C-alpha cells in the first residue's frame, strides 16, 4: 500500500535548515516554541524531512505508515495562535506520532496494519487524539505496528504489518523493535516526532519503549479513553505516551488523561487527572520504599539492574527485595480473557466503523485473510483469530471465571503482595532486542515485567537503564492504580541521576565484540 508523502514537498519548502530536531526532547521543543526561537512549521518540516530521508531510504526503518497531509497546515495554525498570544498549552505546535490503530479525523486511514482496514477513513478523532489536538498538538503521522496489535497469531513477527512492512530497530537494523507499538518506538527513537502514542494490552508500550531506548508509560486502565481505537481487550487495552524523557511523557499524559462517557472504564479518570509534569522538579526518592524483584536473567542485564538499584539507593530510596508469588494459571486465564474479548470488542468496533469498511465481524476478517493469504499471511497465520472466533461471548461462565481468576492472581495475590511493604516495585522491563527472524519468528528471551500490571490494570513506567551488548534495556516502575504521579516522580529522579539513555546509531547489526570473535575463531 502506498504511503501518503503529500506533505513532504511542502515541508522541503518551509523547513528552516537551521531547525534541529534530532534528539531534542519534547519539553525543549515546547520551550523553544514558547520562546519563539523556532516555529511549529519549521519543526514539523524538519521532522518530515527526517522521515523522508530515513524511513523508506537510508536505514529504512519503516516506522511510518502514513504522513498526515494536513500536518503543515496544523503547524501554521499553531504559529498563528502563538503570534496572537492564544497558545492552547505546552503541546501547542508540537508534532506527535499516532499508532495506526488509533483513529484521527485527518484524511488518512486507520488500518491496524491490515489491508482489511485500508478504507477505514472515519473522519473522527479517538478521544485521546482529540485531547492532544485540543492542546494544540500537530498530528504528524500514523505509525506502523505489529498487525492487529500482535493478536492475530502466536507466531507473529513483532513490527510486521501487511500495510507497512517490517519496522527496524534504530539501534541495530537486524533487531526487533518489539511490538505492537513498534513504529511509535522506532519513530520516536529516530526523532521522527517529538513524542508518540502507543497502545498496550500486555507489553505493547513498555517493550518497544525499552528496546528502542525510550521512556514509555502504560497508564492505569481507565485513566485514558480507549474509544475509537481498534481493540483487543476492554479489560486490558489502554493508550500510552512514548518519548525520550520522563518529562515528555508526563506532559503528554497531562493532556491525554480524562473521562469519556463512551468508555465506562474511565469514570474515575477526572478525579485523578492532573499536571503530571510540574511536580517533577521537586520529586525525591528520600525515604521512598522501593521493592525490587530480581528475575532470572543474563549476567549483563543483571549487572545493569544492579547498577540501577545502586542509583536508586544513592538517591535515598529504601530498597526491599521481594519474590514473585507462585501465580500458576495466570497465563492461561489471561489468554482466555483476550480471546473472548477480542471477538466481542472487535465485532463492536467493526459494526461502528465507516461505511467504506465492508467487513463487519471478526469472521469477515478471517475470511479476508484467507482470500488474501499471499499479502496478509506470507510469514505467519491467524490461529489466534480463529480461536477467538470459537469463543462463546463475555457472558460465558468460562470467560467470567477466567477474568476473575486473572485479576485475583495478578492484583491481589501478585502485585499487592509484592507491594505490601513498599511504595513502588522495580524490575528489568525486558531483555535486549532479539533478531528479526522470518523463520522462527519472535525469539525474545529474558524477563518481562509487563504481565502483572497489564492484567491487573496497574500503571507501569519504563525508563532507559543503559545498553546491553549495544542494545537498550529499560527499568520498570510499577505502582498501584492511579499512582502515575508517584511513578513519574521516581522515574524522573532515576533518569536524572543515571543519565543512562544512549542515542541510536542505525548500525546494520551489533558488534559481538572481541571475546565472541576469539571464542568462535579458535
Protein backbone atom coordinates (compact mmCIF):
# COMPACT_ATOMS: atom_id res chain seq x y z
CA UNK A 1 0.00 0.00 0.00
CA UNK A 2 1.42 3.38 -0.96
CA UNK A 3 2.23 5.79 1.83
CA UNK A 4 0.98 9.33 1.93
CA UNK A 5 4.01 11.50 1.28
CA UNK A 6 1.95 14.52 0.18
CA UNK A 7 3.23 16.82 2.91
CA UNK A 8 6.90 16.27 2.16
CA UNK A 9 7.10 18.60 -0.80
CA UNK A 10 5.59 21.35 1.32
CA UNK A 11 7.95 20.53 4.16
CA UNK A 12 11.00 20.88 1.96
CA UNK A 13 9.89 24.41 1.05
CA UNK A 14 9.03 25.52 4.56
CA UNK A 15 11.51 23.89 6.96
CA UNK A 16 14.34 26.11 8.10
CA UNK A 17 17.72 24.49 7.51
CA UNK A 18 18.87 25.51 11.00
CA UNK A 19 15.96 23.80 12.77
CA UNK A 20 17.38 20.87 14.73
CA UNK A 21 15.06 18.16 15.96
CA UNK A 22 17.34 15.12 16.29
CA UNK A 23 17.44 14.04 19.94
CA UNK A 24 15.70 17.25 21.05
CA UNK A 25 13.21 16.26 23.80
CA UNK A 26 9.56 17.24 23.57
CA UNK A 27 9.82 19.59 26.55
CA UNK A 28 12.62 21.52 24.84
CA UNK A 29 10.66 21.75 21.55
CA UNK A 30 7.79 23.13 23.61
CA UNK A 31 10.05 25.66 25.33
CA UNK A 32 11.54 26.81 22.02
CA UNK A 33 8.06 27.31 20.58
CA UNK A 34 7.04 29.30 23.64
CA UNK A 35 10.15 31.48 23.39
CA UNK A 36 9.59 31.99 19.69
CA UNK A 37 13.06 30.76 18.73
CA UNK A 38 11.52 28.21 16.34
CA UNK A 39 8.19 27.93 14.57
CA UNK A 40 5.95 24.89 14.56
CA UNK A 41 6.05 24.99 10.77
CA UNK A 42 9.85 24.72 10.77
CA UNK A 43 9.88 21.98 13.41
CA UNK A 44 7.19 20.00 11.60
CA UNK A 45 9.03 20.37 8.33
CA UNK A 46 12.28 19.22 9.91
CA UNK A 47 10.63 16.05 11.23
CA UNK A 48 9.09 15.39 7.82
CA UNK A 49 12.49 15.75 6.19
CA UNK A 50 13.96 13.19 8.60
CA UNK A 51 11.15 10.79 7.79
CA UNK A 52 11.71 11.29 4.07
CA UNK A 53 15.44 10.65 4.44
CA UNK A 54 15.33 7.71 6.83
CA UNK A 55 12.03 5.83 6.83
CA UNK A 56 11.98 4.36 3.30
CA UNK A 57 15.51 5.48 2.46
CA UNK A 58 18.75 5.32 4.41
CA UNK A 59 18.27 2.88 7.31
CA UNK A 60 14.72 2.15 6.04
CA UNK A 61 13.14 1.98 9.48
CA UNK A 62 9.59 1.59 8.09
CA UNK A 63 8.24 3.20 11.24
CA UNK A 64 5.67 5.34 9.40
CA UNK A 65 2.57 4.08 7.62
CA UNK A 66 1.09 7.44 6.57
CA UNK A 67 2.03 11.10 6.70
CA UNK A 68 -0.80 13.43 7.64
CA UNK A 69 -1.23 15.75 4.61
CA UNK A 70 -2.69 18.38 6.96
CA UNK A 71 0.33 18.47 9.28
CA UNK A 72 1.89 21.62 7.85
CA UNK A 73 -1.48 23.40 7.92
CA UNK A 74 -1.89 22.43 11.58
CA UNK A 75 1.60 23.76 12.33
CA UNK A 76 0.84 27.07 10.61
CA UNK A 77 -2.37 27.38 12.62
CA UNK A 78 -0.37 26.84 15.81
CA UNK A 79 2.12 29.53 14.82
CA UNK A 80 -0.77 31.93 14.20
CA UNK A 81 -2.20 31.19 17.65
CA UNK A 82 1.14 31.86 19.31
CA UNK A 83 1.58 35.14 17.42
CA UNK A 84 -1.87 36.17 18.66
CA UNK A 85 -0.99 35.19 22.25
CA UNK A 86 -3.59 32.40 22.24
CA UNK A 87 -1.48 29.27 22.60
CA UNK A 88 -3.55 26.30 23.73
CA UNK A 89 -0.94 24.91 26.10
CA UNK A 90 2.54 23.42 26.27
CA UNK A 91 1.84 20.95 23.45
CA UNK A 92 0.68 23.64 21.01
CA UNK A 93 2.64 23.16 17.79
CA UNK A 94 4.46 20.03 18.98
CA UNK A 95 4.43 17.24 16.34
CA UNK A 96 3.17 13.89 17.67
CA UNK A 97 3.14 10.42 16.07
CA UNK A 98 -0.01 8.28 16.42
CA UNK A 99 -0.08 4.48 16.27
CA UNK A 100 -2.18 3.32 13.33
CA UNK A 101 -4.83 1.56 15.39
CA UNK A 102 -5.92 4.91 16.85
CA UNK A 103 -8.41 6.94 14.81
CA UNK A 104 -7.79 10.54 13.81
CA UNK A 105 -10.09 12.90 11.92
CA UNK A 106 -7.34 13.56 9.38
CA UNK A 107 -7.74 12.25 5.79
CA UNK A 108 -5.76 9.06 6.40
CA UNK A 109 -6.92 5.54 7.15
CA UNK A 110 -6.70 3.75 10.49
CA UNK A 111 -5.59 0.30 9.37
CA UNK A 112 -4.17 -1.54 12.41
CA UNK A 113 -1.62 -2.61 9.80
CA UNK A 114 -4.17 -4.74 7.94
CA UNK A 115 -5.24 -4.43 4.32
CA UNK A 116 -8.73 -5.29 5.56
CA UNK A 117 -8.98 -1.76 7.01
CA UNK A 118 -7.27 0.18 4.22
CA UNK A 119 -10.51 2.15 3.61
CA UNK A 120 -11.10 2.92 7.29
CA UNK A 121 -11.05 6.73 6.96
CA UNK A 122 -13.61 7.60 9.59
CA UNK A 123 -13.17 11.35 9.88
CA UNK A 124 -13.26 11.20 13.67
CA UNK A 125 -10.72 11.55 16.44
CA UNK A 126 -10.34 8.98 19.17
CA UNK A 127 -10.93 10.98 22.37
CA UNK A 128 -7.25 10.60 23.31
CA UNK A 129 -6.29 12.25 20.00
CA UNK A 130 -8.98 14.88 20.43
CA UNK A 131 -7.45 15.82 23.80
CA UNK A 132 -3.99 16.16 22.25
CA UNK A 133 -5.44 18.19 19.37
CA UNK A 134 -7.33 20.42 21.82
CA UNK A 135 -3.95 21.16 23.38
CA UNK A 136 -2.62 22.23 20.00
CA UNK A 137 -0.53 19.16 19.16
CA UNK A 138 0.26 18.65 15.47
CA UNK A 139 -0.88 15.20 14.36
CA UNK A 140 2.15 14.44 12.22
CA UNK A 141 1.84 10.85 11.02
CA UNK A 142 0.46 7.38 11.70
CA UNK A 143 3.00 4.77 12.76
CA UNK A 144 3.49 1.19 11.66
CA UNK A 145 2.75 -1.57 14.16
CA UNK A 146 2.58 -5.29 14.65
CA UNK A 147 -0.53 -6.06 12.61
CA UNK A 148 -3.74 -6.16 14.66
CA UNK A 149 -1.57 -5.17 17.66
CA UNK A 150 0.12 -8.60 17.60
CA UNK A 151 -3.03 -10.59 18.40
CA UNK A 152 -3.52 -12.43 15.07
CA UNK A 153 -1.02 -15.21 15.72
CA UNK A 154 1.12 -16.68 18.49
CA UNK A 155 3.94 -16.96 15.92
CA UNK A 156 3.93 -13.37 14.69
CA UNK A 157 6.90 -11.14 13.94
CA UNK A 158 6.83 -8.01 16.07
CA UNK A 159 6.76 -4.88 13.95
CA UNK A 160 5.46 -6.53 10.76
CA UNK A 161 2.24 -5.49 9.06
CA UNK A 162 0.85 -6.09 5.59
CA UNK A 163 0.38 -2.35 5.16
CA UNK A 164 3.73 -1.08 6.43
CA UNK A 165 6.20 -3.97 6.17
CA UNK A 166 8.80 -4.67 8.86
CA UNK A 167 9.80 -1.98 11.35
CA UNK A 168 13.53 -1.99 12.17
CA UNK A 169 15.22 -1.17 15.45
CA UNK A 170 17.30 2.03 15.06
CA UNK A 171 19.99 0.69 17.39
CA UNK A 172 20.65 -2.35 15.18
CA UNK A 173 18.65 -2.72 11.99
CA UNK A 174 18.51 -6.52 12.14
CA UNK A 175 16.98 -6.44 15.63
CA UNK A 176 13.33 -6.41 16.61
CA UNK A 177 11.64 -3.13 17.60
CA UNK A 178 9.29 -5.22 19.77
CA UNK A 179 5.54 -4.88 19.44
CA UNK A 180 2.96 -3.91 18.99
CA UNK A 181 3.76 -0.17 19.18
CA UNK A 182 6.90 -0.83 17.16
CA UNK A 183 6.57 2.06 14.72
CA UNK A 184 5.99 4.55 17.52
CA UNK A 185 9.00 3.18 19.37
CA UNK A 186 11.37 3.23 16.40
CA UNK A 187 9.95 6.51 15.07
CA UNK A 188 10.30 8.46 18.30
CA UNK A 189 13.76 6.98 18.92
CA UNK A 190 14.79 8.14 15.43
CA UNK A 191 13.43 11.65 16.07
CA UNK A 192 10.59 11.36 13.56
CA UNK A 193 8.38 13.19 16.08
CA UNK A 194 8.69 14.80 19.48
CA UNK A 195 6.66 12.04 21.10
CA UNK A 196 4.19 9.37 20.17
CA UNK A 197 1.11 7.41 21.15
CA UNK A 198 1.23 3.66 21.53
CA UNK A 199 -1.32 1.21 22.87
CA UNK A 200 -0.82 -1.69 25.24
CA UNK A 201 -2.73 -4.83 26.07
CA UNK A 202 0.26 -6.64 27.56
CA UNK A 203 3.70 -5.15 26.92
CA UNK A 204 2.99 -3.21 23.73
CA UNK A 205 4.03 0.20 25.13
CA UNK A 206 6.72 -0.81 27.61
CA UNK A 207 8.53 -3.39 25.47
CA UNK A 208 9.04 -1.21 22.36
CA UNK A 209 9.94 1.68 24.65
CA UNK A 210 12.54 -0.42 26.45
CA UNK A 211 14.22 -1.92 23.37
CA UNK A 212 14.19 1.41 21.48
CA UNK A 213 15.75 3.41 24.32
CA UNK A 214 12.61 5.36 25.30
CA UNK A 215 10.51 6.26 28.29
CA UNK A 216 7.07 4.67 27.98
CA UNK A 217 4.03 4.67 30.26
CA UNK A 218 1.16 2.22 30.32
CA UNK A 219 -1.35 4.18 32.41
CA UNK A 220 -3.85 2.72 34.82
CA UNK A 221 -6.58 1.18 32.68
CA UNK A 222 -9.32 3.82 32.73
CA UNK A 223 -7.18 6.94 33.11
CA UNK A 224 -7.15 7.45 29.32
CA UNK A 225 -10.03 6.74 26.92
CA UNK A 226 -9.86 3.71 24.61
CA UNK A 227 -12.83 4.75 22.46
CA UNK A 228 -12.32 4.70 18.64
CA UNK A 229 -9.21 2.56 18.94
CA UNK A 230 -9.09 -0.82 17.17
CA UNK A 231 -9.48 -3.07 20.22
CA UNK A 232 -8.26 -6.33 21.65
CA UNK A 233 -9.48 -6.30 25.24
CA UNK A 234 -11.63 -3.82 27.15
CA UNK A 235 -10.12 -5.23 30.36
CA UNK A 236 -6.51 -4.52 29.44
CA UNK A 237 -6.26 -2.09 26.47
CA UNK A 238 -5.01 1.43 27.04
CA UNK A 239 -3.18 4.11 25.03
CA UNK A 240 0.12 5.27 26.46
CA UNK A 241 2.69 8.02 25.76
CA UNK A 242 6.19 7.21 24.49
CA UNK A 243 9.02 9.76 24.34
CA UNK A 244 12.70 10.40 25.02
CA UNK A 245 12.34 11.66 28.60
CA UNK A 246 10.13 11.28 31.66
CA UNK A 247 9.14 14.95 31.45
CA UNK A 248 7.99 14.44 27.85
CA UNK A 249 5.79 11.52 28.86
CA UNK A 250 4.37 13.48 31.81
CA UNK A 251 3.48 16.41 29.53
CA UNK A 252 1.68 14.10 27.12
CA UNK A 253 -0.20 12.29 29.89
CA UNK A 254 -1.38 15.62 31.33
CA UNK A 255 -3.14 16.31 28.04
CA UNK A 256 -4.37 12.75 27.40
CA UNK A 257 -5.99 11.83 30.71
CA UNK A 258 -9.68 12.27 31.41
CA UNK A 259 -13.06 10.57 31.45
CA UNK A 260 -15.04 9.63 28.36
CA UNK A 261 -18.81 8.97 28.52
CA UNK A 262 -18.42 6.35 25.78
CA UNK A 263 -15.79 4.44 27.79
CA UNK A 264 -17.23 3.25 31.14
CA UNK A 265 -13.79 2.31 32.45
CA UNK A 266 -12.82 6.00 32.62
CA UNK A 267 -15.40 7.09 35.18
CA UNK A 268 -12.69 7.75 37.81
CA UNK A 269 -10.27 9.44 35.42
CA UNK A 270 -11.22 13.07 36.10
CA UNK A 271 -10.65 12.61 39.83
CA UNK A 272 -7.04 11.65 39.09
CA UNK A 273 -6.29 13.98 36.18
CA UNK A 274 -3.55 16.49 36.99
CA UNK A 275 -0.49 18.26 35.67
CA UNK A 276 1.95 15.39 35.88
CA UNK A 277 4.95 17.41 34.66
CA UNK A 278 5.04 20.35 37.10
CA UNK A 279 5.84 18.30 40.26
CA UNK A 280 8.83 16.54 38.70
CA UNK A 281 11.32 19.26 39.66
CA UNK A 282 10.54 18.60 43.32
CA UNK A 283 10.44 14.80 43.11
CA UNK A 284 12.53 12.85 45.60
CA UNK A 285 13.25 9.24 46.47
CA UNK A 286 14.37 10.01 50.01
CA UNK A 287 12.57 7.59 52.30
CA UNK A 288 10.60 6.02 49.43
CA UNK A 289 10.25 2.28 49.92
CA UNK A 290 11.21 0.58 46.67
CA UNK A 291 10.58 -3.15 46.34
CA UNK A 292 12.74 -4.82 43.75
CA UNK A 293 12.32 -8.17 42.05
CA UNK A 294 15.38 -9.84 40.57
CA UNK A 295 14.15 -12.27 37.88
CA UNK A 296 16.27 -14.90 36.16
CA UNK A 297 18.34 -13.05 33.56
CA UNK A 298 21.68 -12.92 31.83
CA UNK A 299 24.76 -11.59 33.57
CA UNK A 300 24.98 -8.37 31.54
CA UNK A 301 21.36 -7.44 32.17
CA UNK A 302 21.79 -8.38 35.82
CA UNK A 303 24.74 -6.01 36.09
CA UNK A 304 22.71 -3.18 34.58
CA UNK A 305 19.90 -3.84 37.03
CA UNK A 306 22.32 -3.92 39.97
CA UNK A 307 23.74 -0.57 38.86
CA UNK A 308 20.21 0.86 38.64
CA UNK A 309 19.47 -0.29 42.18
CA UNK A 310 22.64 1.45 43.33
CA UNK A 311 21.41 4.67 41.72
CA UNK A 312 18.05 4.39 43.47
CA UNK A 313 19.73 3.73 46.81
CA UNK A 314 22.09 6.69 46.32
CA UNK A 315 19.05 8.90 45.79
CA UNK A 316 17.67 7.90 49.18
CA UNK A 317 15.38 5.00 48.33
CA UNK A 318 14.88 2.24 50.87
CA UNK A 319 15.36 -0.99 48.90
CA UNK A 320 13.37 -4.12 49.78
CA UNK A 321 13.96 -7.33 47.85
CA UNK A 322 10.81 -9.34 47.11
CA UNK A 323 9.98 -12.60 45.37
CA UNK A 324 7.34 -13.14 42.74
CA UNK A 325 4.48 -15.23 44.17
CA UNK A 326 3.52 -18.51 42.56
CA UNK A 327 0.81 -17.48 40.11
CA UNK A 328 0.20 -20.74 38.25
CA UNK A 329 -2.65 -20.48 35.81
CA UNK A 330 -2.40 -16.74 35.20
CA UNK A 331 -1.16 -17.06 31.62
CA UNK A 332 -3.92 -19.44 30.58
CA UNK A 333 -6.58 -17.32 32.25
CA UNK A 334 -5.31 -14.15 30.55
CA UNK A 335 -5.35 -15.83 27.15
CA UNK A 336 -8.95 -16.96 27.64
CA UNK A 337 -9.92 -13.39 28.52
CA UNK A 338 -8.12 -11.94 25.49
CA UNK A 339 -9.66 -14.43 23.06
CA UNK A 340 -13.19 -13.81 24.32
CA UNK A 341 -12.88 -10.04 24.50
CA UNK A 342 -11.17 -9.83 21.10
CA UNK A 343 -14.19 -11.35 19.38
CA UNK A 344 -16.72 -9.23 21.30
CA UNK A 345 -14.82 -5.95 21.17
CA UNK A 346 -13.62 -6.19 17.56
CA UNK A 347 -17.13 -7.09 16.39
CA UNK A 348 -18.43 -3.98 18.15
CA UNK A 349 -15.71 -1.78 16.64
CA UNK A 350 -16.24 -3.08 13.10
CA UNK A 351 -20.01 -2.68 13.39
CA UNK A 352 -19.50 1.03 14.09
CA UNK A 353 -16.79 1.67 11.50
CA UNK A 354 -17.22 3.94 8.49
CA UNK A 355 -19.43 2.65 5.67
CA UNK A 356 -16.36 2.19 3.47
CA UNK A 357 -15.31 -0.72 5.69
CA UNK A 358 -17.27 -3.69 4.35
CA UNK A 359 -16.00 -6.24 6.87
CA UNK A 360 -18.20 -6.09 9.96
CA UNK A 361 -17.18 -9.06 12.12
CA UNK A 362 -14.07 -10.98 13.13
CA UNK A 363 -15.31 -13.82 10.94
CA UNK A 364 -15.17 -11.45 7.94
CA UNK A 365 -11.56 -10.54 8.75
CA UNK A 366 -10.62 -14.22 8.97
CA UNK A 367 -12.21 -14.84 5.57
CA UNK A 368 -10.46 -11.79 4.10
CA UNK A 369 -7.09 -13.02 5.31
CA UNK A 370 -7.68 -16.45 3.76
CA UNK A 371 -8.69 -14.86 0.47
CA UNK A 372 -5.63 -12.59 0.54
CA UNK A 373 -3.18 -15.00 2.14
CA UNK A 374 -0.27 -14.09 -0.13
CA UNK A 375 -0.32 -10.48 1.05
CA UNK A 376 -1.64 -10.96 4.58
CA UNK A 377 -0.15 -14.26 5.71
CA UNK A 378 3.21 -14.72 3.97
CA UNK A 379 5.06 -15.14 7.28
CA UNK A 380 2.59 -16.37 9.88
CA UNK A 381 -1.04 -17.45 10.13
CA UNK A 382 -4.10 -16.34 12.12
CA UNK A 383 -4.68 -19.14 14.60
CA UNK A 384 -5.38 -16.68 17.44
CA UNK A 385 -8.14 -15.06 15.39
CA UNK A 386 -9.60 -18.47 14.65
CA UNK A 387 -9.50 -19.47 18.31
CA UNK A 388 -11.17 -16.18 19.29
CA UNK A 389 -13.96 -16.79 16.77
CA UNK A 390 -14.78 -20.04 18.56
CA UNK A 391 -15.36 -18.36 21.95
CA UNK A 392 -18.89 -18.08 23.33
CA UNK A 393 -19.04 -14.44 24.41
CA UNK A 394 -18.37 -12.38 27.51
CA UNK A 395 -21.41 -13.72 29.35
CA UNK A 396 -19.98 -17.23 29.13
CA UNK A 397 -19.14 -18.69 32.59
CA UNK A 398 -15.74 -19.88 31.35
CA UNK A 399 -14.79 -16.33 30.33
CA UNK A 400 -16.16 -14.82 33.57
CA UNK A 401 -14.23 -17.34 35.64
CA UNK A 402 -11.02 -16.67 33.70
CA UNK A 403 -11.35 -12.92 34.17
CA UNK A 404 -11.97 -13.23 37.90
CA UNK A 405 -9.03 -15.61 38.26
CA UNK A 406 -6.63 -13.46 36.24
CA UNK A 407 -7.44 -10.31 38.24
CA UNK A 408 -7.16 -12.16 41.56
CA UNK A 409 -3.78 -13.63 40.66
CA UNK A 410 -2.29 -10.51 39.05
CA UNK A 411 -3.54 -7.97 41.59
CA UNK A 412 -4.46 -9.40 45.00
CA UNK A 413 -2.09 -12.38 45.01
CA UNK A 414 0.55 -10.80 42.77
CA UNK A 415 1.33 -7.10 42.82
CA UNK A 416 -0.35 -6.37 46.13
CA UNK A 417 1.83 -9.00 47.79
CA UNK A 418 4.99 -7.62 46.15
CA UNK A 419 4.00 -4.05 47.09
CA UNK A 420 2.81 -4.92 50.61
CA UNK A 421 5.70 -3.10 52.31
CA UNK A 422 6.63 -0.74 49.51
CA UNK A 423 5.50 2.29 47.55
CA UNK A 424 6.90 1.20 44.18
CA UNK A 425 8.11 -2.02 42.57
CA UNK A 426 11.08 -2.05 40.17
CA UNK A 427 12.49 -4.76 37.92
CA UNK A 428 14.04 -5.01 34.45
CA UNK A 429 11.42 -4.31 31.78
CA UNK A 430 12.64 -6.98 29.37
CA UNK A 431 15.86 -8.19 27.77
CA UNK A 432 17.63 -6.58 24.80
CA UNK A 433 16.09 -6.82 21.33
CA UNK A 434 16.25 -10.15 19.55
CA UNK A 435 16.97 -10.75 15.86
CA UNK A 436 14.18 -10.27 13.34
CA UNK A 437 13.63 -13.82 12.12
CA UNK A 438 11.06 -14.77 9.42
CA UNK A 439 11.68 -18.49 10.02
CA UNK A 440 11.45 -18.89 13.79
CA UNK A 441 9.52 -15.58 14.20
CA UNK A 442 9.73 -13.76 17.56
CA UNK A 443 12.53 -15.18 19.71
CA UNK A 444 12.53 -12.82 22.66
CA UNK A 445 14.40 -14.12 25.70
CA UNK A 446 14.83 -12.92 29.23
CA UNK A 447 12.45 -11.43 31.80
CA UNK A 448 9.26 -9.47 31.19
CA UNK A 449 7.71 -7.04 33.65
CA UNK A 450 4.53 -6.40 31.68
CA UNK A 451 2.19 -9.24 32.63
CA UNK A 452 1.06 -8.38 36.16
CA UNK A 453 0.39 -4.64 35.57
CA UNK A 454 -1.26 -5.46 32.23
CA UNK A 455 -3.74 -7.95 33.64
CA UNK A 456 -4.42 -6.02 36.86
CA UNK A 457 -4.69 -2.65 35.10
CA UNK A 458 -1.98 -1.11 37.33
CA UNK A 459 0.29 1.63 35.90
CA UNK A 460 3.72 0.70 34.52
CA UNK A 461 6.56 3.04 33.53
CA UNK A 462 9.81 2.08 31.82
CA UNK A 463 12.90 4.32 31.81
CA UNK A 464 16.17 3.69 29.91
CA UNK A 465 18.68 1.72 32.00
CA UNK A 466 21.58 1.75 29.52
CA UNK A 467 22.87 -0.69 26.91
CA UNK A 468 23.46 -4.44 26.97
CA UNK A 469 25.60 -5.56 24.05
CA UNK A 470 24.94 -2.25 22.34
CA UNK A 471 21.15 -2.60 22.71
CA UNK A 472 18.88 -0.60 25.06
CA UNK A 473 17.20 -2.06 28.12
CA UNK A 474 14.73 -0.43 30.48
CA UNK A 475 13.97 -0.25 34.19
CA UNK A 476 10.31 -0.78 35.10
CA UNK A 477 8.49 1.16 37.81
CA UNK A 478 5.12 -0.28 38.89
CA UNK A 479 2.64 1.14 41.41
CA UNK A 480 -0.99 0.91 42.46
CA UNK A 481 -3.88 2.26 40.33
CA UNK A 482 -3.84 5.99 39.56
CA UNK A 483 -0.39 6.49 41.11
CA UNK A 484 1.10 7.74 37.85
CA UNK A 485 2.41 10.84 39.60
CA UNK A 486 4.37 8.69 42.04
CA UNK A 487 5.78 6.57 39.19
CA UNK A 488 6.77 9.55 37.08
CA UNK A 489 8.44 11.23 40.04
CA UNK A 490 10.50 8.14 40.85
CA UNK A 491 11.33 7.58 37.20
CA UNK A 492 12.40 11.21 36.83
CA UNK A 493 14.74 11.08 39.82
CA UNK A 494 16.32 7.88 38.49
CA UNK A 495 16.59 9.27 34.96
CA UNK A 496 18.28 12.48 36.09
CA UNK A 497 20.76 10.62 38.29
CA UNK A 498 21.53 7.73 35.93
CA UNK A 499 21.62 9.59 32.60
CA UNK A 500 21.51 6.13 31.05
CA UNK A 501 19.83 6.80 27.69
CA UNK A 502 22.09 6.48 24.64
CA UNK A 503 21.05 7.80 21.21
CA UNK A 504 20.60 5.31 18.34
CA UNK A 505 23.35 4.87 15.77
CA UNK A 506 21.50 2.96 12.99
CA UNK A 507 24.09 0.20 12.70
CA UNK A 508 23.39 -2.78 10.47
CA UNK A 509 23.97 -5.09 13.43
CA UNK A 510 25.51 -5.05 16.88
CA UNK A 511 29.22 -5.74 17.26
CA UNK A 512 29.57 -9.07 19.02
CA UNK A 513 32.91 -7.96 20.46
CA UNK A 514 36.42 -9.32 20.64
CA UNK A 515 35.57 -12.01 23.20
CA UNK A 516 33.00 -13.59 20.90
CA UNK A 517 35.30 -13.32 17.89
CA UNK A 518 38.10 -15.02 19.78
CA UNK A 519 35.81 -17.78 21.03
CA UNK A 520 34.42 -18.76 17.64
CA UNK A 521 37.64 -18.40 15.63
CA UNK A 522 39.84 -20.76 17.63
